[in-house]
């Protein structure tokens, strides 16, 4: 998110329209993470895991990460929980 926010800051300084998920003053980080995982990263890793089943643990970890961030979106105002467990 820091890279996205740095881009948004640069766009703001240049008077440009701020790109999606790049405005640090309005982005809900957990919601942005859910969208990024769900619509971009997870479909890629599902396809890769179909091609190479050894990558299934990575896909499963992404699913846990998405669930972790979705829980944060559903319960705003609570302190963030510990990082999701990693696959062994």
N, C-alpha and C. Protein backbone atom coordinates (compact mmCIF):
# COMPACT_ATOMS: atom_id res chain seq x y z
N UNK A 1 0.83 -1.19 0.00
CA UNK A 1 0.00 0.00 0.00
C UNK A 1 0.87 1.26 0.00
N UNK A 2 2.06 1.15 0.59
CA UNK A 2 2.93 2.32 0.61
C UNK A 2 3.29 2.77 -0.81
N UNK A 3 3.51 1.81 -1.71
CA UNK A 3 3.80 2.16 -3.10
C UNK A 3 2.60 2.85 -3.74
N UNK A 4 1.41 2.33 -3.49
CA UNK A 4 0.20 2.94 -4.04
C UNK A 4 0.05 4.36 -3.51
N UNK A 5 0.25 4.53 -2.20
CA UNK A 5 0.09 5.85 -1.60
C UNK A 5 1.15 6.83 -2.10
N UNK A 6 2.37 6.35 -2.31
CA UNK A 6 3.42 7.22 -2.86
C UNK A 6 3.03 7.68 -4.27
N UNK A 7 2.44 6.78 -5.05
CA UNK A 7 1.98 7.16 -6.38
C UNK A 7 0.87 8.21 -6.27
N UNK A 8 -0.07 7.99 -5.36
CA UNK A 8 -1.16 8.95 -5.18
C UNK A 8 -0.65 10.31 -4.74
N UNK A 9 0.34 10.31 -3.85
CA UNK A 9 0.93 11.58 -3.40
C UNK A 9 1.56 12.33 -4.57
N UNK A 10 2.28 11.58 -5.42
CA UNK A 10 2.92 12.20 -6.58
C UNK A 10 1.87 12.74 -7.56
N UNK A 11 0.81 11.98 -7.75
CA UNK A 11 -0.27 12.44 -8.65
C UNK A 11 -0.93 13.70 -8.09
N UNK A 12 -1.15 13.73 -6.78
CA UNK A 12 -1.76 14.91 -6.14
C UNK A 12 -0.87 16.14 -6.33
N UNK A 13 0.43 15.97 -6.11
CA UNK A 13 1.38 17.08 -6.26
C UNK A 13 1.39 17.64 -7.68
N UNK A 14 1.15 16.78 -8.66
CA UNK A 14 1.16 17.21 -10.06
C UNK A 14 -0.21 17.66 -10.55
N UNK A 15 -1.20 17.63 -9.65
CA UNK A 15 -2.55 18.05 -10.02
C UNK A 15 -3.28 17.04 -10.87
N UNK A 16 -2.83 15.80 -10.86
CA UNK A 16 -3.45 14.75 -11.66
C UNK A 16 -4.59 14.09 -10.88
N UNK A 17 -5.44 13.39 -11.59
CA UNK A 17 -6.46 12.56 -10.94
C UNK A 17 -5.74 11.43 -10.23
N UNK A 18 -6.11 11.18 -8.99
CA UNK A 18 -5.45 10.14 -8.21
C UNK A 18 -6.00 8.78 -8.62
N UNK A 19 -5.11 7.87 -8.93
CA UNK A 19 -5.48 6.52 -9.37
C UNK A 19 -6.20 5.76 -8.27
N UNK A 20 -6.96 4.75 -8.70
CA UNK A 20 -7.72 3.93 -7.77
C UNK A 20 -6.78 3.28 -6.73
N UNK A 21 -7.21 3.31 -5.49
CA UNK A 21 -6.49 2.73 -4.35
C UNK A 21 -5.19 3.46 -4.03
N UNK A 22 -5.01 4.67 -4.51
CA UNK A 22 -3.77 5.41 -4.28
C UNK A 22 -3.96 6.63 -3.39
N UNK A 23 -5.17 6.92 -2.96
CA UNK A 23 -5.43 8.11 -2.15
C UNK A 23 -5.42 7.73 -0.67
N UNK A 24 -4.32 8.04 0.01
CA UNK A 24 -4.17 7.64 1.40
C UNK A 24 -5.23 8.24 2.32
N UNK A 25 -5.91 9.29 1.86
CA UNK A 25 -6.91 9.93 2.72
C UNK A 25 -8.27 9.25 2.63
N UNK A 26 -8.46 8.36 1.67
CA UNK A 26 -9.79 7.76 1.52
C UNK A 26 -9.79 6.24 1.39
N UNK A 27 -8.66 5.64 1.16
CA UNK A 27 -8.61 4.19 0.94
C UNK A 27 -8.75 3.45 2.26
N UNK A 28 -9.60 2.45 2.27
CA UNK A 28 -9.69 1.51 3.39
C UNK A 28 -8.77 0.35 3.02
N UNK A 29 -7.63 0.27 3.71
CA UNK A 29 -6.58 -0.67 3.32
C UNK A 29 -7.09 -2.10 3.27
N UNK A 30 -7.82 -2.54 4.29
CA UNK A 30 -8.30 -3.92 4.30
C UNK A 30 -9.19 -4.20 3.09
N UNK A 31 -10.05 -3.26 2.74
CA UNK A 31 -10.93 -3.42 1.59
C UNK A 31 -10.12 -3.47 0.29
N UNK A 32 -9.11 -2.64 0.19
CA UNK A 32 -8.25 -2.65 -1.00
C UNK A 32 -7.52 -3.99 -1.12
N UNK A 33 -7.08 -4.53 0.00
CA UNK A 33 -6.39 -5.82 -0.02
C UNK A 33 -7.32 -6.94 -0.48
N UNK A 34 -8.55 -6.93 0.02
CA UNK A 34 -9.52 -7.94 -0.40
C UNK A 34 -9.72 -7.87 -1.90
N UNK A 35 -9.91 -6.68 -2.43
CA UNK A 35 -10.12 -6.53 -3.86
C UNK A 35 -8.91 -6.96 -4.67
N UNK A 36 -7.72 -6.57 -4.25
CA UNK A 36 -6.50 -6.91 -4.96
C UNK A 36 -6.30 -8.42 -5.00
N UNK A 37 -6.49 -9.06 -3.85
CA UNK A 37 -6.33 -10.52 -3.80
C UNK A 37 -7.41 -11.20 -4.62
N UNK A 38 -8.66 -10.81 -4.41
CA UNK A 38 -9.80 -11.50 -5.02
C UNK A 38 -9.83 -11.37 -6.54
N UNK A 39 -9.54 -10.19 -7.04
CA UNK A 39 -9.72 -9.95 -8.47
C UNK A 39 -8.44 -10.06 -9.30
N UNK A 40 -7.29 -9.97 -8.65
CA UNK A 40 -6.05 -10.00 -9.42
C UNK A 40 -5.18 -11.21 -9.08
N UNK A 41 -4.80 -11.33 -7.83
CA UNK A 41 -3.79 -12.31 -7.45
C UNK A 41 -4.36 -13.73 -7.35
N UNK A 42 -5.50 -13.89 -6.68
CA UNK A 42 -6.04 -15.23 -6.48
C UNK A 42 -6.40 -15.94 -7.80
N UNK A 43 -7.03 -15.28 -8.77
CA UNK A 43 -7.28 -15.98 -10.03
C UNK A 43 -5.99 -16.48 -10.70
N UNK A 44 -4.94 -15.70 -10.61
CA UNK A 44 -3.66 -16.13 -11.18
C UNK A 44 -3.15 -17.37 -10.47
N UNK A 45 -3.18 -17.36 -9.14
CA UNK A 45 -2.66 -18.51 -8.40
C UNK A 45 -3.56 -19.73 -8.50
N UNK A 46 -4.86 -19.54 -8.71
CA UNK A 46 -5.73 -20.69 -8.97
C UNK A 46 -5.33 -21.36 -10.27
N UNK A 47 -5.09 -20.55 -11.29
CA UNK A 47 -4.67 -21.11 -12.58
C UNK A 47 -3.31 -21.79 -12.45
N UNK A 48 -2.39 -21.18 -11.76
CA UNK A 48 -1.07 -21.78 -11.58
C UNK A 48 -1.16 -23.08 -10.80
N UNK A 49 -2.01 -23.13 -9.76
CA UNK A 49 -2.16 -24.35 -8.97
C UNK A 49 -2.82 -25.46 -9.78
N UNK A 50 -3.70 -25.10 -10.71
CA UNK A 50 -4.26 -26.12 -11.61
C UNK A 50 -3.18 -26.70 -12.51
N UNK A 51 -2.27 -25.86 -12.93
CA UNK A 51 -1.17 -26.28 -13.79
C UNK A 51 -0.13 -27.07 -13.00
N UNK A 52 0.18 -26.59 -11.81
CA UNK A 52 1.19 -27.21 -10.96
C UNK A 52 0.64 -27.34 -9.54
N UNK A 53 0.10 -28.50 -9.18
CA UNK A 53 -0.51 -28.69 -7.87
C UNK A 53 0.41 -28.37 -6.68
N UNK A 54 1.71 -28.35 -6.90
CA UNK A 54 2.62 -28.02 -5.79
C UNK A 54 2.44 -26.57 -5.34
N UNK A 55 1.76 -25.75 -6.16
CA UNK A 55 1.52 -24.36 -5.80
C UNK A 55 0.22 -24.16 -5.01
N UNK A 56 -0.51 -25.23 -4.77
CA UNK A 56 -1.77 -25.15 -4.04
C UNK A 56 -1.62 -24.48 -2.67
N UNK A 57 -0.54 -24.73 -1.91
CA UNK A 57 -0.40 -24.05 -0.61
C UNK A 57 -0.36 -22.52 -0.74
N UNK A 58 0.20 -22.02 -1.81
CA UNK A 58 0.23 -20.57 -2.02
C UNK A 58 -1.18 -20.03 -2.25
N UNK A 59 -1.94 -20.75 -3.07
CA UNK A 59 -3.33 -20.37 -3.32
C UNK A 59 -4.13 -20.40 -2.03
N UNK A 60 -3.93 -21.42 -1.22
CA UNK A 60 -4.65 -21.54 0.05
C UNK A 60 -4.27 -20.41 1.00
N UNK A 61 -3.00 -20.02 1.02
CA UNK A 61 -2.58 -18.90 1.87
C UNK A 61 -3.22 -17.60 1.41
N UNK A 62 -3.32 -17.40 0.12
CA UNK A 62 -4.00 -16.21 -0.40
C UNK A 62 -5.46 -16.19 0.02
N UNK A 63 -6.10 -17.33 0.00
CA UNK A 63 -7.49 -17.41 0.44
C UNK A 63 -7.61 -17.04 1.92
N UNK A 64 -6.65 -17.51 2.74
CA UNK A 64 -6.66 -17.14 4.17
C UNK A 64 -6.40 -15.64 4.34
N UNK A 65 -5.48 -15.11 3.54
CA UNK A 65 -5.20 -13.67 3.62
C UNK A 65 -6.44 -12.85 3.27
N UNK A 66 -7.15 -13.26 2.21
CA UNK A 66 -8.36 -12.54 1.82
C UNK A 66 -9.40 -12.60 2.94
N UNK A 67 -9.55 -13.76 3.57
CA UNK A 67 -10.50 -13.90 4.68
C UNK A 67 -10.09 -13.02 5.86
N UNK A 68 -8.81 -12.93 6.13
CA UNK A 68 -8.29 -12.09 7.21
C UNK A 68 -8.67 -10.63 6.98
N UNK A 69 -8.40 -10.13 5.78
CA UNK A 69 -8.71 -8.73 5.49
C UNK A 69 -10.21 -8.48 5.39
N UNK A 70 -10.96 -9.47 4.90
CA UNK A 70 -12.41 -9.33 4.85
C UNK A 70 -12.98 -9.19 6.26
N UNK A 71 -12.42 -9.91 7.22
CA UNK A 71 -12.87 -9.80 8.60
C UNK A 71 -12.61 -8.40 9.14
N UNK A 72 -11.51 -7.79 8.74
CA UNK A 72 -11.21 -6.42 9.16
C UNK A 72 -12.21 -5.44 8.59
N UNK A 73 -12.63 -5.66 7.34
CA UNK A 73 -13.61 -4.79 6.71
C UNK A 73 -14.94 -4.89 7.44
N UNK A 74 -15.30 -6.11 7.86
CA UNK A 74 -16.58 -6.35 8.51
C UNK A 74 -16.63 -5.82 9.94
N UNK A 75 -15.48 -5.64 10.57
CA UNK A 75 -15.45 -5.17 11.95
C UNK A 75 -14.56 -3.95 12.09
N UNK A 76 -14.95 -2.83 11.44
CA UNK A 76 -14.12 -1.62 11.52
C UNK A 76 -14.05 -1.12 12.95
N UNK A 77 -12.95 -0.50 13.27
CA UNK A 77 -12.76 0.08 14.59
C UNK A 77 -12.06 -0.85 15.56
N UNK A 78 -12.01 -2.14 15.23
CA UNK A 78 -11.29 -3.07 16.09
C UNK A 78 -9.82 -3.04 15.71
N UNK A 79 -8.94 -3.26 16.67
CA UNK A 79 -7.53 -3.31 16.31
C UNK A 79 -7.28 -4.50 15.39
N UNK A 80 -6.35 -4.38 14.47
CA UNK A 80 -6.11 -5.49 13.55
C UNK A 80 -5.61 -6.72 14.29
N UNK A 81 -6.09 -7.90 13.89
CA UNK A 81 -5.59 -9.12 14.51
C UNK A 81 -4.17 -9.40 14.06
N UNK A 82 -3.57 -10.40 14.69
CA UNK A 82 -2.22 -10.81 14.28
C UNK A 82 -2.26 -11.27 12.83
N UNK A 83 -1.11 -11.28 12.20
CA UNK A 83 -1.02 -11.70 10.80
C UNK A 83 -1.58 -13.10 10.65
N UNK A 84 -2.17 -13.41 9.50
CA UNK A 84 -2.69 -14.74 9.29
C UNK A 84 -1.57 -15.78 9.33
N UNK A 85 -1.89 -17.00 9.75
CA UNK A 85 -0.83 -18.03 9.83
C UNK A 85 -0.32 -18.38 8.44
N UNK A 86 0.93 -18.75 8.41
CA UNK A 86 1.53 -19.13 7.13
C UNK A 86 1.37 -20.62 6.91
N UNK A 87 1.36 -21.01 5.66
CA UNK A 87 1.27 -22.43 5.33
C UNK A 87 2.62 -23.08 5.58
N UNK A 88 2.61 -24.26 6.12
CA UNK A 88 3.87 -24.98 6.36
C UNK A 88 4.10 -26.03 5.32
